[in-house]
Protein backbone atom coordinates (compact mmCIF):
# COMPACT_ATOMS: atom_id res chain seq x y z
CA MET A 1 -13.92 -18.17 -15.01
CA LEU A 2 -14.55 -14.43 -14.78
CA SER A 3 -17.24 -12.96 -17.01
CA GLY A 4 -17.10 -9.77 -19.04
CA PHE A 5 -19.22 -8.02 -16.42
CA ASP A 6 -16.77 -9.14 -13.72
CA PHE A 7 -13.94 -7.45 -15.61
CA VAL A 8 -16.01 -4.26 -15.89
CA LEU A 9 -16.51 -4.26 -12.12
CA ILE A 10 -12.80 -4.95 -11.52
CA GLY A 11 -11.81 -2.18 -13.93
CA LEU A 12 -14.12 0.36 -12.29
CA ALA A 13 -12.81 -0.61 -8.85
CA ALA A 14 -9.24 -0.12 -10.11
CA VAL A 15 -10.10 3.33 -11.50
CA ALA A 16 -11.57 4.26 -8.12
CA ALA A 17 -8.54 2.83 -6.32
CA GLY A 18 -6.12 4.73 -8.55
CA ALA A 19 -7.96 8.00 -7.88
CA VAL A 20 -8.17 7.31 -4.14
CA ASN A 21 -4.46 6.47 -3.94
CA ALA A 22 -3.61 9.72 -5.72
CA LEU A 23 -5.76 11.75 -3.33
CA ALA A 24 -5.74 10.01 0.03
CA GLY A 25 -4.48 6.40 -0.08
CA GLY A 26 -6.26 3.15 0.72
CA GLY A 27 -7.12 1.97 -2.78
CA THR A 28 -6.45 -1.66 -1.85
CA LEU A 29 -9.53 -1.53 0.39
CA ILE A 30 -11.56 -1.11 -2.81
CA THR A 31 -9.88 -3.49 -5.26
CA PHE A 32 -9.22 -6.45 -2.97
CA PRO A 33 -12.87 -6.86 -1.85
CA MET A 34 -14.02 -6.47 -5.47
CA LEU A 35 -11.74 -9.28 -6.62
CA THR A 36 -13.05 -11.62 -3.94
CA ALA A 37 -16.63 -10.51 -4.69
CA VAL A 38 -16.35 -11.71 -8.30
CA GLY A 39 -15.05 -15.10 -7.19
CA VAL A 40 -11.27 -14.79 -7.00
CA SER A 41 -9.85 -16.66 -4.00
CA ALA A 42 -8.51 -14.52 -1.15
CA VAL A 43 -4.83 -15.36 -1.66
CA ALA A 44 -5.04 -15.00 -5.46
CA ALA A 45 -6.92 -11.71 -5.04
CA ASN A 46 -4.20 -10.32 -2.79
CA VAL A 47 -1.43 -11.51 -5.13
CA THR A 48 -3.21 -10.13 -8.21
CA ASN A 49 -3.89 -6.84 -6.44
CA THR A 50 -0.21 -6.40 -5.56
CA VAL A 51 0.96 -7.11 -9.10
CA ALA A 52 -1.71 -4.94 -10.73
CA LEU A 53 -1.25 -1.85 -8.58
CA CYS A 54 2.54 -2.02 -8.54
CA PRO A 55 3.00 0.33 -11.57
CA GLY A 56 1.07 3.02 -9.71
CA TYR A 57 3.93 3.39 -7.23
CA ILE A 58 6.31 4.44 -10.00
CA GLY A 59 4.58 7.76 -10.59
CA GLY A 60 4.54 8.66 -6.91
CA THR A 61 8.21 7.81 -6.51
CA LEU A 62 9.29 9.81 -9.57
CA ALA A 63 7.17 12.77 -8.48
CA GLN A 64 9.17 13.03 -5.23
CA ARG A 65 12.61 12.13 -6.55
CA LYS A 66 13.97 15.64 -5.83
CA ASP A 67 13.35 15.14 -2.13
CA LEU A 68 15.46 11.96 -2.24
CA GLN A 69 18.57 13.95 -3.12
CA GLY A 70 21.16 13.78 -0.36
CA GLN A 71 19.68 10.58 1.09
CA GLY A 72 21.93 8.19 -0.82
CA LYS A 73 23.52 6.69 2.31
CA ARG A 74 20.11 5.79 3.69
CA LEU A 75 19.21 3.86 0.56
CA TRP A 76 21.96 1.32 1.34
CA PHE A 77 20.04 0.04 4.37
CA VAL A 78 16.46 1.17 3.67
CA LEU A 79 16.08 -0.46 0.25
CA PRO A 80 17.50 -3.88 1.25
CA ALA A 81 15.14 -3.84 4.25
CA GLY A 82 12.24 -3.16 1.90
CA VAL A 83 13.24 -5.86 -0.57
CA ILE A 84 13.89 -8.54 2.07
CA GLY A 85 10.76 -7.65 4.02
CA GLY A 86 8.61 -7.66 0.88
CA LEU A 87 9.93 -11.10 -0.11
CA ILE A 88 9.40 -12.53 3.38
CA GLY A 89 5.86 -11.16 3.42
CA GLY A 90 5.18 -12.70 0.03
CA ILE A 91 6.56 -16.06 1.13
CA LEU A 92 4.43 -15.97 4.28
CA LEU A 93 1.35 -15.18 2.22
CA LEU A 94 1.81 -18.07 -0.19
CA ASN A 95 2.43 -20.45 2.72
CA THR A 96 -0.46 -19.27 4.87
CA GLY A 97 -3.06 -21.36 3.10
CA GLU A 98 -6.36 -20.18 1.63
CA LYS A 99 -8.52 -20.96 4.66
CA LEU A 100 -6.27 -19.29 7.23
CA PHE A 101 -5.72 -16.22 5.08
CA LYS A 102 -9.46 -15.94 4.46
CA ASP A 103 -9.99 -16.05 8.22
CA LEU A 104 -7.40 -13.29 8.67
CA VAL A 105 -8.81 -11.05 5.92
CA PRO A 106 -11.42 -9.16 7.99
CA TYR A 107 -8.87 -8.39 10.68
CA LEU A 108 -6.30 -7.28 8.11
CA ILE A 109 -8.88 -4.99 6.53
CA LEU A 110 -9.82 -3.57 9.94
CA LEU A 111 -6.12 -2.99 10.66
CA ALA A 112 -5.65 -1.26 7.30
CA SER A 113 -8.77 0.86 7.88
CA GLY A 114 -7.47 1.85 11.31
CA LEU A 115 -4.09 2.81 9.90
CA LEU A 116 -5.75 4.89 7.21
CA ALA A 117 -7.92 6.59 9.84
CA ILE A 118 -4.91 7.72 11.87
CA GLN A 119 -2.91 8.93 8.88
CA ASP A 120 -3.55 12.62 9.55
CA PRO A 121 -2.86 12.39 13.32
CA VAL A 122 0.39 10.52 12.56
CA ARG A 123 1.49 13.23 10.14
CA THR A 124 0.59 15.96 12.64
CA TRP A 125 2.50 14.20 15.40
CA LEU A 126 5.54 13.73 13.18
CA THR A 127 5.48 17.37 12.11
CA LYS A 128 5.43 18.53 15.73
CA ARG A 129 8.14 16.06 16.71
CA MET A 130 10.57 16.87 13.94
CA GLY A 131 9.75 20.35 12.76
CA GLU A 132 11.13 21.38 9.42
CA ASN A 133 14.76 21.86 10.48
CA SER A 134 15.75 18.66 12.22
CA SER A 135 19.30 17.41 12.42
CA LYS A 136 20.40 14.00 11.21
CA ASP A 137 20.90 11.12 13.61
CA GLY A 138 24.14 9.15 13.55
CA ASN A 139 22.52 5.78 14.31
CA GLU A 140 20.16 5.67 11.36
CA LYS A 141 21.09 2.15 10.32
CA TRP A 142 19.00 0.83 13.21
CA ALA A 143 15.96 1.99 11.23
CA SER A 144 16.41 -0.96 8.87
CA LEU A 145 14.95 -3.38 11.46
CA PRO A 146 11.54 -1.69 12.04
CA ILE A 147 11.34 -0.77 8.35
CA GLY A 148 11.98 -4.41 7.48
CA LEU A 149 9.21 -5.54 9.84
CA ALA A 150 6.83 -3.03 8.25
CA ALA A 151 7.91 -4.33 4.82
CA ILE A 152 6.94 -7.87 5.84
CA TYR A 153 3.42 -6.63 6.53
CA GLY A 154 3.49 -4.81 3.18
CA GLY A 155 4.48 -7.94 1.29
CA TYR A 156 1.81 -9.94 3.11
CA PHE A 157 -1.16 -7.58 2.67
CA GLY A 158 -0.03 -4.05 1.89
CA ALA A 159 -2.95 -1.79 2.75
CA GLY A 160 -1.85 0.90 5.21
CA LEU A 161 1.85 0.22 4.68
CA SER A 162 2.66 3.88 4.03
CA VAL A 163 1.34 4.93 7.46
CA ILE A 164 3.45 2.31 9.24
CA VAL A 165 6.62 3.16 7.33
CA LEU A 166 6.22 6.91 7.83
CA ALA A 167 5.63 6.46 11.57
CA VAL A 168 8.68 4.17 11.86
CA MET A 169 10.87 6.64 9.98
CA GLY A 170 9.65 9.48 12.15
CA LEU A 171 10.81 7.57 15.22
CA THR A 172 14.17 6.43 13.87
CA LEU A 173 15.32 9.05 11.35
CA GLU A 174 15.83 12.75 11.92
CA ASP A 175 14.81 14.80 8.89
CA THR A 176 12.01 16.92 7.49
CA LEU A 177 8.63 15.34 6.93
CA THR A 178 8.83 16.13 3.21
CA ARG A 179 12.08 14.19 2.77
CA LEU A 180 10.90 11.28 4.90
CA ASN A 181 7.67 11.16 2.90
CA ALA A 182 9.69 10.79 -0.31
CA LEU A 183 11.76 8.03 1.28
CA LYS A 184 8.56 6.33 2.44
CA GLN A 185 7.26 6.39 -1.12
CA LEU A 186 10.42 4.70 -2.35
CA VAL A 187 10.22 2.05 0.37
CA GLY A 188 6.60 1.32 -0.56
CA PHE A 189 7.61 0.97 -4.20
CA THR A 190 10.50 -1.35 -3.28
CA VAL A 191 8.34 -3.57 -1.06
CA ASN A 192 5.61 -3.94 -3.67
CA VAL A 193 8.01 -4.57 -6.54
CA ALA A 194 9.87 -7.24 -4.55
CA ALA A 195 6.62 -8.97 -3.59
CA ALA A 196 5.17 -8.58 -7.09
CA ILE A 197 8.24 -10.12 -8.77
CA PHE A 198 8.05 -13.06 -6.37
CA PHE A 199 4.31 -13.43 -7.05
CA LEU A 200 4.90 -13.53 -10.82
CA PHE A 201 6.10 -17.11 -10.44
CA SER A 202 3.52 -18.20 -7.88
CA GLY A 203 0.85 -19.31 -10.31
CA GLN A 204 -1.67 -17.28 -8.28
CA VAL A 205 -1.88 -14.19 -10.50
CA GLU A 206 -5.12 -13.69 -12.43
CA TRP A 207 -3.32 -12.11 -15.37
CA LEU A 208 -6.25 -10.71 -17.34
CA ALA A 209 -7.72 -9.20 -14.20
CA ALA A 210 -4.31 -7.76 -13.31
CA LEU A 211 -4.00 -6.15 -16.74
CA VAL A 212 -7.47 -4.62 -16.52
CA MET A 213 -6.70 -3.34 -13.03
CA ALA A 214 -3.34 -1.90 -14.03
CA VAL A 215 -4.93 0.11 -16.85
CA GLY A 216 -7.79 1.18 -14.60
CA ALA A 217 -5.44 2.24 -11.80
CA LEU A 218 -3.37 4.36 -14.19
CA ILE A 219 -6.52 6.08 -15.48
CA GLY A 220 -7.71 6.59 -11.93
CA GLY A 221 -4.37 8.06 -10.93
CA VAL A 222 -4.61 10.64 -13.71
CA LEU A 223 -8.18 11.50 -12.73
CA GLY A 224 -7.20 11.72 -9.09
CA GLY A 225 -4.39 14.11 -9.94
CA ARG A 226 -6.81 16.36 -11.79
CA LEU A 227 -9.28 16.26 -8.91
CA ALA A 228 -6.63 17.27 -6.39
CA GLY A 229 -7.74 20.49 -4.73
CA ARG A 230 -11.39 19.89 -5.61
CA VAL A 231 -11.96 16.91 -3.35
CA SER A 232 -11.02 16.92 0.32
CA PRO A 233 -8.51 14.10 0.93
CA SER A 234 -9.72 13.84 4.51
CA THR A 235 -13.34 13.33 3.46
CA LEU A 236 -12.32 10.78 0.85
CA ARG A 237 -10.11 8.98 3.36
CA TRP A 238 -12.96 8.61 5.84
CA MET A 239 -15.21 7.31 3.08
CA VAL A 240 -12.63 4.60 2.30
CA VAL A 241 -12.26 3.82 6.02
CA THR A 242 -16.03 3.43 6.29
CA ILE A 243 -16.08 1.14 3.25
CA GLY A 244 -13.26 -0.90 4.76
CA VAL A 245 -15.06 -1.37 8.07
CA ILE A 246 -18.29 -2.38 6.32
CA VAL A 247 -16.43 -4.86 4.11
CA ALA A 248 -14.65 -6.33 7.15
CA ILE A 249 -17.99 -6.80 8.93
CA ILE A 250 -19.40 -8.53 5.86
CA TYR A 251 -16.42 -10.90 5.78
CA LEU A 252 -16.89 -11.65 9.49
CA VAL A 253 -20.61 -12.34 9.06
CA ARG A 254 -20.00 -14.68 6.13
CA ARG A 255 -17.41 -16.79 7.98
């Protein structure tokens, strides 16, 4: 049973995660460890985290909806890949078992931290590769396979998903980085919604904690939006990466 102080800690972590996601990404690396720190099991913490932070993807998707115009054909293979991958990831998570998932947690956090660390280099590489006036590729449907594989990871753990999806799209789709970034946002939203809907019936969601986190994440997102331009996303990103590495080491030591 979580105490009132536990909910305060969870709420503050969600506010921080919402702000971090708005500015740099990687908020899961704050909320997931906090949930486990207050006594929520690893699988339940991951499930609760996915459900609670899901509404935050709506704002990001709506904010970039203009850049999705003209990409209707892609949605016919990108969105199903996201939905199917998210569901498969969710199924794998619930069938992993608490002990095995707990053993995997530090490595998943290290992977997520690494993905967050290379976010800027990936964007720079994609910008150089594509430029801002790329032509469209006729074999884009093949992108559904790597996007689906990335979606499985997203449904299973989620942190760092945006970096994987953007890199995959940069390799398989020819378009501007701005338009691919909007498509990436929609894929992330699709993956998380699919996994979250599946998790609703899992019996693993800590509902009160999820509600507190959802409110906190929305507040944090607003604060993060207001802080944009005042805080360096790169500096914030490296702070989150550092936190992630430290948390992963703690998990490894406690095993």
